[in-house]
Amino acid sequence: MQTIFQKLILILLGASLTLTVLFLTGATSVDQPSQIGRYRMTALMRGKFPDVFVIDTVTGVVKWVGNDEGKPFDQIKGH
């Protein structure tokens, strides 16, 4: 039978190993801002024609997407 001291050592060792793994796997680089959710898209109907707008939430630039589908945001001319 284990003593109380041995049980306490095993519990503390297990807790420290668990915290070490959690801290190391949760580490991310702070230098690069997250790109998730940077661009938002909204579509409006004007009669029978849809108007599609792309919004860059970091810079606030709004561009209308017409014949520019599939192009990167930097290459869309917008209107």
N, C-alpha and C. Protein backbone atom coordinates (compact mmCIF):
# COMPACT_ATOMS: atom_id res chain seq x y z
N MET A 1 0.84 -1.17 0.00
CA MET A 1 0.00 0.00 0.00
C MET A 1 0.89 1.24 0.00
N GLN A 2 0.50 2.22 -0.82
CA GLN A 2 1.31 3.45 -0.93
C GLN A 2 1.00 4.38 0.24
N THR A 3 2.00 5.13 0.58
CA THR A 3 1.80 6.11 1.64
C THR A 3 1.16 7.35 1.06
N ILE A 4 0.69 8.19 1.92
CA ILE A 4 0.04 9.45 1.49
C ILE A 4 1.05 10.33 0.75
N PHE A 5 2.30 10.30 1.21
CA PHE A 5 3.34 11.11 0.55
C PHE A 5 3.58 10.65 -0.87
N GLN A 6 3.61 9.35 -1.11
CA GLN A 6 3.82 8.83 -2.45
C GLN A 6 2.64 9.18 -3.37
N LYS A 7 1.42 9.10 -2.85
CA LYS A 7 0.24 9.48 -3.64
C LYS A 7 0.27 10.96 -4.00
N LEU A 8 0.68 11.79 -3.05
CA LEU A 8 0.76 13.23 -3.30
C LEU A 8 1.81 13.55 -4.37
N ILE A 9 2.93 12.88 -4.32
CA ILE A 9 3.99 13.07 -5.32
C ILE A 9 3.48 12.67 -6.71
N LEU A 10 2.79 11.54 -6.82
CA LEU A 10 2.25 11.10 -8.10
C LEU A 10 1.19 12.07 -8.64
N ILE A 11 0.36 12.59 -7.77
CA ILE A 11 -0.67 13.55 -8.19
C ILE A 11 -0.02 14.84 -8.69
N LEU A 12 0.96 15.34 -7.97
CA LEU A 12 1.64 16.57 -8.38
C LEU A 12 2.42 16.36 -9.68
N LEU A 13 3.04 15.21 -9.85
CA LEU A 13 3.76 14.91 -11.07
C LEU A 13 2.80 14.83 -12.26
N GLY A 14 1.68 14.17 -12.08
CA GLY A 14 0.68 14.07 -13.15
C GLY A 14 0.10 15.43 -13.52
N ALA A 15 -0.18 16.25 -12.51
CA ALA A 15 -0.73 17.59 -12.77
C ALA A 15 0.29 18.47 -13.49
N SER A 16 1.55 18.40 -13.10
CA SER A 16 2.56 19.23 -13.76
C SER A 16 2.80 18.78 -15.20
N LEU A 17 2.79 17.46 -15.44
CA LEU A 17 2.94 16.97 -16.81
C LEU A 17 1.75 17.38 -17.68
N THR A 18 0.55 17.30 -17.13
CA THR A 18 -0.66 17.71 -17.87
C THR A 18 -0.61 19.20 -18.20
N LEU A 19 -0.24 20.03 -17.25
CA LEU A 19 -0.15 21.47 -17.50
C LEU A 19 0.94 21.81 -18.51
N THR A 20 2.05 21.09 -18.45
CA THR A 20 3.13 21.32 -19.41
C THR A 20 2.67 21.02 -20.83
N VAL A 21 1.98 19.90 -21.01
CA VAL A 21 1.48 19.55 -22.33
C VAL A 21 0.46 20.58 -22.81
N LEU A 22 -0.44 21.00 -21.95
CA LEU A 22 -1.45 22.00 -22.33
C LEU A 22 -0.81 23.33 -22.71
N PHE A 23 0.16 23.77 -21.97
CA PHE A 23 0.83 25.04 -22.28
C PHE A 23 1.61 24.97 -23.59
N LEU A 24 2.28 23.86 -23.83
CA LEU A 24 3.08 23.74 -25.04
C LEU A 24 2.22 23.57 -26.30
N THR A 25 1.12 22.87 -26.21
CA THR A 25 0.27 22.69 -27.39
C THR A 25 -0.60 23.90 -27.65
N GLY A 26 -0.82 24.73 -26.68
CA GLY A 26 -1.64 25.92 -26.87
C GLY A 26 -0.85 27.14 -27.26
N ALA A 27 0.45 27.02 -27.42
CA ALA A 27 1.29 28.17 -27.75
C ALA A 27 1.11 28.54 -29.22
N THR A 28 0.93 29.82 -29.48
CA THR A 28 0.83 30.33 -30.85
C THR A 28 1.74 31.53 -30.99
N SER A 29 2.00 31.88 -32.22
CA SER A 29 2.83 33.04 -32.50
C SER A 29 1.97 34.30 -32.38
N VAL A 30 2.44 35.26 -31.62
CA VAL A 30 1.70 36.50 -31.42
C VAL A 30 2.05 37.51 -32.52
N ASP A 31 3.14 37.28 -33.24
CA ASP A 31 3.60 38.24 -34.24
C ASP A 31 2.64 38.36 -35.42
N GLN A 32 1.99 37.27 -35.81
CA GLN A 32 1.13 37.30 -36.98
C GLN A 32 -0.33 37.39 -36.54
N PRO A 33 -1.06 38.41 -37.03
CA PRO A 33 -2.48 38.49 -36.69
C PRO A 33 -3.25 37.37 -37.38
N SER A 34 -4.32 36.95 -36.78
CA SER A 34 -5.12 35.87 -37.34
C SER A 34 -5.86 36.36 -38.59
N GLN A 35 -5.87 35.53 -39.63
CA GLN A 35 -6.57 35.87 -40.86
C GLN A 35 -7.99 35.31 -40.88
N ILE A 36 -8.35 34.55 -39.86
CA ILE A 36 -9.69 33.97 -39.81
C ILE A 36 -10.69 35.08 -39.55
N GLY A 37 -11.67 35.19 -40.40
CA GLY A 37 -12.70 36.21 -40.25
C GLY A 37 -12.30 37.57 -40.76
N ARG A 38 -11.21 37.68 -41.50
CA ARG A 38 -10.78 38.99 -41.98
C ARG A 38 -11.71 39.53 -43.04
N TYR A 39 -12.17 38.69 -43.95
CA TYR A 39 -13.02 39.13 -45.04
C TYR A 39 -14.46 38.70 -44.79
N ARG A 40 -15.38 39.62 -45.03
CA ARG A 40 -16.81 39.34 -44.91
C ARG A 40 -17.45 39.59 -46.26
N MET A 41 -18.46 38.83 -46.56
CA MET A 41 -19.15 39.00 -47.83
C MET A 41 -20.63 39.19 -47.56
N THR A 42 -21.23 40.08 -48.32
CA THR A 42 -22.67 40.27 -48.24
C THR A 42 -23.23 40.39 -49.65
N ALA A 43 -24.42 39.89 -49.84
CA ALA A 43 -25.06 39.93 -51.15
C ALA A 43 -26.42 40.61 -51.01
N LEU A 44 -26.69 41.52 -51.93
CA LEU A 44 -27.96 42.24 -51.96
C LEU A 44 -28.61 42.03 -53.32
N MET A 45 -29.91 41.94 -53.34
CA MET A 45 -30.63 41.79 -54.61
C MET A 45 -31.13 43.17 -55.04
N ARG A 46 -30.82 43.53 -56.28
CA ARG A 46 -31.32 44.78 -56.87
C ARG A 46 -32.11 44.36 -58.10
N GLY A 47 -33.42 44.24 -57.93
CA GLY A 47 -34.24 43.70 -59.00
C GLY A 47 -33.95 42.22 -59.12
N LYS A 48 -33.50 41.79 -60.29
CA LYS A 48 -33.14 40.39 -60.51
C LYS A 48 -31.63 40.18 -60.47
N PHE A 49 -30.89 41.22 -60.18
CA PHE A 49 -29.43 41.14 -60.23
C PHE A 49 -28.84 41.21 -58.81
N PRO A 50 -27.97 40.27 -58.50
CA PRO A 50 -27.33 40.33 -57.17
C PRO A 50 -26.12 41.25 -57.18
N ASP A 51 -25.95 41.97 -56.11
CA ASP A 51 -24.75 42.77 -55.87
C ASP A 51 -23.99 42.09 -54.73
N VAL A 52 -22.73 41.75 -54.97
CA VAL A 52 -21.90 41.09 -53.97
C VAL A 52 -20.80 42.04 -53.53
N PHE A 53 -20.70 42.25 -52.23
CA PHE A 53 -19.69 43.13 -51.67
C PHE A 53 -18.78 42.32 -50.75
N VAL A 54 -17.47 42.59 -50.83
CA VAL A 54 -16.48 41.97 -49.95
C VAL A 54 -15.89 43.07 -49.09
N ILE A 55 -15.85 42.83 -47.78
CA ILE A 55 -15.38 43.82 -46.82
C ILE A 55 -14.13 43.28 -46.14
N ASP A 56 -13.05 44.05 -46.17
CA ASP A 56 -11.83 43.72 -45.43
C ASP A 56 -12.00 44.34 -44.04
N THR A 57 -12.21 43.49 -43.03
CA THR A 57 -12.50 44.01 -41.69
C THR A 57 -11.29 44.61 -40.99
N VAL A 58 -10.09 44.37 -41.52
CA VAL A 58 -8.88 44.94 -40.91
C VAL A 58 -8.69 46.38 -41.39
N THR A 59 -8.80 46.60 -42.71
CA THR A 59 -8.57 47.94 -43.26
C THR A 59 -9.85 48.72 -43.49
N GLY A 60 -11.00 48.04 -43.54
CA GLY A 60 -12.27 48.72 -43.77
C GLY A 60 -12.60 48.93 -45.24
N VAL A 61 -11.80 48.38 -46.14
CA VAL A 61 -12.03 48.55 -47.58
C VAL A 61 -13.20 47.67 -48.01
N VAL A 62 -14.14 48.27 -48.76
CA VAL A 62 -15.29 47.54 -49.29
C VAL A 62 -15.17 47.53 -50.81
N LYS A 63 -15.30 46.35 -51.41
CA LYS A 63 -15.21 46.25 -52.87
C LYS A 63 -16.41 45.50 -53.41
N TRP A 64 -16.88 45.93 -54.57
CA TRP A 64 -17.98 45.27 -55.27
C TRP A 64 -17.41 44.23 -56.20
N VAL A 65 -17.94 43.03 -56.13
CA VAL A 65 -17.43 41.94 -56.95
C VAL A 65 -18.38 41.77 -58.13
N GLY A 66 -17.88 42.05 -59.33
CA GLY A 66 -18.68 41.87 -60.53
C GLY A 66 -18.09 40.74 -61.35
N ASN A 67 -17.27 41.06 -62.31
CA ASN A 67 -16.61 40.06 -63.14
C ASN A 67 -15.29 39.60 -62.54
N ASP A 68 -15.04 39.97 -61.30
CA ASP A 68 -13.76 39.67 -60.65
C ASP A 68 -13.83 38.43 -59.77
N GLU A 69 -14.80 37.56 -59.97
CA GLU A 69 -14.95 36.39 -59.12
C GLU A 69 -13.72 35.49 -59.21
N GLY A 70 -13.27 35.00 -58.08
CA GLY A 70 -12.14 34.09 -58.04
C GLY A 70 -10.79 34.78 -57.94
N LYS A 71 -10.77 36.11 -58.00
CA LYS A 71 -9.50 36.83 -57.89
C LYS A 71 -9.20 37.14 -56.42
N PRO A 72 -7.93 37.30 -56.08
CA PRO A 72 -7.59 37.75 -54.73
C PRO A 72 -8.13 39.16 -54.47
N PHE A 73 -8.33 39.49 -53.21
CA PHE A 73 -8.92 40.78 -52.83
C PHE A 73 -8.11 41.95 -53.38
N ASP A 74 -6.78 41.81 -53.42
CA ASP A 74 -5.93 42.90 -53.90
C ASP A 74 -6.15 43.20 -55.38
N GLN A 75 -6.58 42.20 -56.15
CA GLN A 75 -6.74 42.37 -57.60
C GLN A 75 -8.14 42.79 -58.01
N ILE A 76 -9.09 42.80 -57.07
CA ILE A 76 -10.44 43.24 -57.40
C ILE A 76 -10.44 44.76 -57.50
N LYS A 77 -10.89 45.27 -58.63
CA LYS A 77 -10.90 46.71 -58.85
C LYS A 77 -11.94 47.40 -57.98
N GLY A 78 -13.10 46.80 -57.87
CA GLY A 78 -14.17 47.42 -57.09
C GLY A 78 -14.78 48.61 -57.81
N HIS A 79 -15.80 49.12 -57.24
CA HIS A 79 -16.48 50.30 -57.80
C HIS A 79 -16.92 51.23 -56.70
